[in-house]
Amino acid sequence: MAIEVRPATVFEDVMTMVGPKRPDATVCWCLSYRIPSQQNVALRAEERGALVKELVAQDPPPGVLAYDGGEVVGWAAVHPRADTSFARNRKIPHVDGLDAWSVWCLRVRPGHRGKGISHVLLAGAVEMARSYGAPAIEGYPVDNGRSKVDLTMAYVGTRKLFEDAGFAKAAETDSVLNGFPRVLMRLALP
């Protein structure tokens, strides 16, 4: 497997990974944690894609994409925590005053799952944060033990995925997803 991870600067590829099948559908577009809740609720249909197109053109872009050859196969949302709803989230604590980055969504296209792409995506998110000088990166995965996580809720990742990437548990949270507690996992970046 020769998966390459790149900054998410190609809107069409981001749309393939997180956009709707119909342009007029109101779906996540991976905005629910990226923008304030009130704005997230107010944006409808095509407005959501238009905002993502703006975010993709910014520096830093809103995440990273994984490619298998020329085909986009994965997405990870990663950005400075201060620019996300995690900056104000009452259920997910702040560990300290560092300007940490957050990774909150990992998505692999059907037909490409089970090949380790999530691991490569998470490593790519870490490298992007490091390249922008982040002192640390955090994720908020479910602590599911060996229990299966519903695919629609697996986007936050699992504690094991983050541990495999060198992250350590930094704090408990008051957040629960799909019946599993979420934990704050953190990796210091040299």
Protein backbone atom coordinates (compact mmCIF):
# COMPACT_ATOMS: atom_id res chain seq x y z
CA MET A 1 0.00 0.00 0.00
CA ALA A 2 1.47 3.32 -1.09
CA ILE A 3 -0.89 5.80 0.57
CA GLU A 4 0.16 9.43 0.33
CA VAL A 5 -1.22 12.08 2.69
CA ARG A 6 -1.39 15.71 1.54
CA PRO A 7 -2.90 18.94 2.89
CA ALA A 8 -6.57 19.26 1.90
CA THR A 9 -6.19 21.96 -0.74
CA VAL A 10 -8.25 20.39 -3.54
CA PHE A 11 -11.91 21.22 -2.96
CA GLU A 12 -13.24 18.49 -5.26
CA ASP A 13 -11.36 15.84 -3.26
CA VAL A 14 -12.64 17.23 0.06
CA MET A 15 -16.13 17.19 -1.44
CA THR A 16 -15.67 13.54 -2.42
CA MET A 17 -14.80 12.68 1.18
CA VAL A 18 -17.22 14.82 3.22
CA GLY A 19 -19.72 16.36 0.81
CA PRO A 20 -23.26 15.19 0.06
CA LYS A 21 -24.37 13.08 -2.87
CA ARG A 22 -26.85 15.88 -3.70
CA PRO A 23 -25.59 19.50 -3.62
CA ASP A 24 -28.81 20.73 -1.97
CA ALA A 25 -28.53 18.31 0.98
CA THR A 26 -27.65 19.69 4.39
CA VAL A 27 -24.95 17.37 5.71
CA CYS A 28 -21.97 17.78 8.01
CA TRP A 29 -19.17 18.64 5.53
CA CYS A 30 -17.01 18.14 8.65
CA LEU A 31 -18.07 21.58 9.90
CA SER A 32 -19.82 20.63 13.16
CA TYR A 33 -16.66 21.02 15.24
CA ARG A 34 -14.85 23.45 12.94
CA ILE A 35 -17.26 26.39 13.23
CA PRO A 36 -19.41 27.79 16.05
CA SER A 37 -22.57 25.77 16.73
CA GLN A 38 -24.94 28.61 15.85
CA GLN A 39 -23.27 29.09 12.47
CA ASN A 40 -23.25 25.33 11.87
CA VAL A 41 -27.01 25.12 12.44
CA ALA A 42 -27.72 28.20 10.31
CA LEU A 43 -25.78 27.06 7.22
CA ARG A 44 -27.99 25.16 4.79
CA ALA A 45 -27.38 23.07 1.67
CA GLU A 46 -25.03 24.76 -0.83
CA GLU A 47 -23.90 27.33 1.77
CA ARG A 48 -22.05 24.56 3.59
CA GLY A 49 -20.02 23.56 0.55
CA ALA A 50 -19.28 27.22 -0.24
CA LEU A 51 -17.81 27.68 3.25
CA VAL A 52 -15.70 24.54 2.91
CA LYS A 53 -14.42 25.83 -0.44
CA GLU A 54 -13.28 29.00 1.38
CA LEU A 55 -11.62 26.97 4.16
CA VAL A 56 -9.77 24.79 1.64
CA ALA A 57 -8.24 27.95 0.13
CA GLN A 58 -6.96 29.15 3.53
CA ASP A 59 -3.59 28.50 5.11
CA PRO A 60 -3.68 26.21 6.98
CA PRO A 61 -6.27 24.15 5.11
CA PRO A 62 -8.97 22.36 7.12
CA GLY A 63 -7.31 18.94 7.15
CA VAL A 64 -5.45 16.32 5.19
CA LEU A 65 -6.42 13.87 2.46
CA ALA A 66 -5.12 10.37 1.77
CA TYR A 67 -4.54 9.21 -1.78
CA ASP A 68 -4.06 5.73 -3.20
CA GLY A 69 -2.45 6.54 -6.52
CA GLY A 70 -4.52 9.42 -7.85
CA GLU A 71 -7.69 8.41 -6.01
CA VAL A 72 -8.72 10.20 -2.80
CA VAL A 73 -9.49 7.55 -0.16
CA GLY A 74 -9.39 9.32 3.21
CA TRP A 75 -9.90 12.53 5.14
CA ALA A 76 -8.75 13.82 8.53
CA ALA A 77 -9.90 17.15 9.96
CA VAL A 78 -7.04 18.87 11.80
CA HIS A 79 -6.72 22.50 12.83
CA PRO A 80 -5.66 24.68 15.75
CA ARG A 81 -8.01 23.96 18.67
CA ALA A 82 -8.51 27.71 19.16
CA ASP A 83 -10.27 27.83 15.75
CA THR A 84 -12.67 24.99 16.56
CA SER A 85 -15.67 24.49 18.80
CA PHE A 86 -13.37 22.49 21.11
CA ALA A 87 -12.03 25.87 22.27
CA ARG A 88 -15.42 26.44 23.93
CA ASN A 89 -16.58 22.86 24.52
CA ARG A 90 -17.62 22.33 28.15
CA LYS A 91 -17.46 18.54 27.91
CA ILE A 92 -13.88 18.30 26.62
CA PRO A 93 -11.40 19.93 29.01
CA HIS A 94 -8.34 22.03 28.30
CA VAL A 95 -5.24 20.28 29.60
CA ASP A 96 -3.10 23.42 29.72
CA GLY A 97 -2.55 26.72 27.94
CA LEU A 98 -0.60 25.33 24.97
CA ASP A 99 -1.89 26.25 21.51
CA ALA A 100 -2.61 22.60 20.73
CA TRP A 101 -4.12 21.44 17.47
CA SER A 102 -7.14 19.12 17.32
CA VAL A 103 -7.85 16.16 15.08
CA TRP A 104 -11.54 15.25 15.30
CA CYS A 105 -12.61 13.37 12.23
CA LEU A 106 -11.03 10.45 10.36
CA ARG A 107 -12.90 9.07 7.40
CA VAL A 108 -11.99 6.33 4.95
CA ARG A 109 -14.05 5.66 1.83
CA PRO A 110 -15.98 2.40 1.57
CA GLY A 111 -13.98 -0.18 -0.33
CA HIS A 112 -10.75 1.09 1.20
CA ARG A 113 -11.43 0.35 4.86
CA GLY A 114 -9.49 -2.25 6.82
CA LYS A 115 -6.22 -1.39 5.07
CA GLY A 116 -4.66 0.82 7.76
CA ILE A 117 -5.55 4.10 6.07
CA SER A 118 -6.81 5.62 9.36
CA HIS A 119 -3.33 5.12 10.82
CA VAL A 120 -1.73 6.84 7.83
CA LEU A 121 -4.27 9.69 8.01
CA LEU A 122 -3.61 10.26 11.71
CA ALA A 123 0.15 10.31 11.06
CA GLY A 124 -0.46 12.85 8.28
CA ALA A 125 -2.54 15.03 10.60
CA VAL A 126 0.28 14.94 13.16
CA GLU A 127 2.81 15.94 10.49
CA MET A 128 0.63 18.81 9.30
CA ALA A 129 0.30 20.15 12.86
CA ARG A 130 4.05 19.76 13.38
CA SER A 131 4.81 21.58 10.11
CA TYR A 132 2.80 24.58 11.37
CA GLY A 133 4.72 24.66 14.65
CA ALA A 134 2.02 23.17 16.90
CA PRO A 135 3.45 22.29 20.34
CA ALA A 136 0.95 19.44 20.74
CA ILE A 137 -1.94 17.72 18.98
CA GLU A 138 -5.01 16.21 20.61
CA GLY A 139 -7.81 13.90 19.61
CA TYR A 140 -11.05 12.99 21.38
CA PRO A 141 -11.68 9.34 20.44
CA VAL A 142 -14.01 6.84 22.04
CA ASP A 143 -12.63 4.54 24.71
CA ASN A 144 -14.38 1.44 23.41
CA GLY A 145 -12.10 -1.30 24.73
CA ARG A 146 -12.63 -4.19 22.35
CA SER A 147 -16.27 -3.36 21.60
CA LYS A 148 -17.31 -2.60 18.04
CA VAL A 149 -18.04 1.04 17.22
CA ASP A 150 -20.90 1.81 14.83
CA LEU A 151 -19.38 3.02 11.53
CA THR A 152 -21.43 6.22 11.54
CA MET A 153 -19.85 7.14 14.89
CA ALA A 154 -16.34 5.81 14.21
CA TYR A 155 -15.22 9.13 12.73
CA VAL A 156 -13.71 10.27 16.06
CA GLY A 157 -11.37 7.29 16.10
CA THR A 158 -10.65 4.90 18.94
CA ARG A 159 -8.32 5.20 21.88
CA LYS A 160 -6.25 2.33 20.45
CA LEU A 161 -5.80 4.11 17.11
CA PHE A 162 -4.42 7.14 18.93
CA GLU A 163 -2.25 5.04 21.26
CA ASP A 164 -0.80 3.26 18.23
CA ALA A 165 0.21 6.70 16.91
CA GLY A 166 2.04 7.59 20.14
CA PHE A 167 -0.71 9.64 21.80
CA ALA A 168 -1.28 9.23 25.55
CA LYS A 169 -4.43 9.76 27.57
CA ALA A 170 -4.26 13.28 28.98
CA ALA A 171 -7.73 13.61 30.51
CA GLU A 172 -11.19 12.14 30.94
CA THR A 173 -14.03 14.03 29.26
CA ASP A 174 -17.74 14.39 29.96
CA SER A 175 -18.47 13.54 26.32
CA VAL A 176 -20.07 10.25 25.29
CA LEU A 177 -20.52 9.05 21.72
CA ASN A 178 -22.47 5.95 20.70
CA GLY A 179 -22.54 4.88 24.35
CA PHE A 180 -18.75 5.06 24.75
CA PRO A 181 -16.89 7.64 26.82
CA ARG A 182 -14.53 9.88 24.90
CA VAL A 183 -11.04 10.55 26.23
CA LEU A 184 -8.64 13.35 25.49
CA MET A 185 -5.54 11.86 23.86
CA ARG A 186 -2.48 14.04 23.36
CA LEU A 187 0.89 13.95 21.64
CA ALA A 188 3.62 16.50 22.35
CA LEU A 189 5.30 17.69 19.17
CA PRO A 190 9.02 18.48 19.21
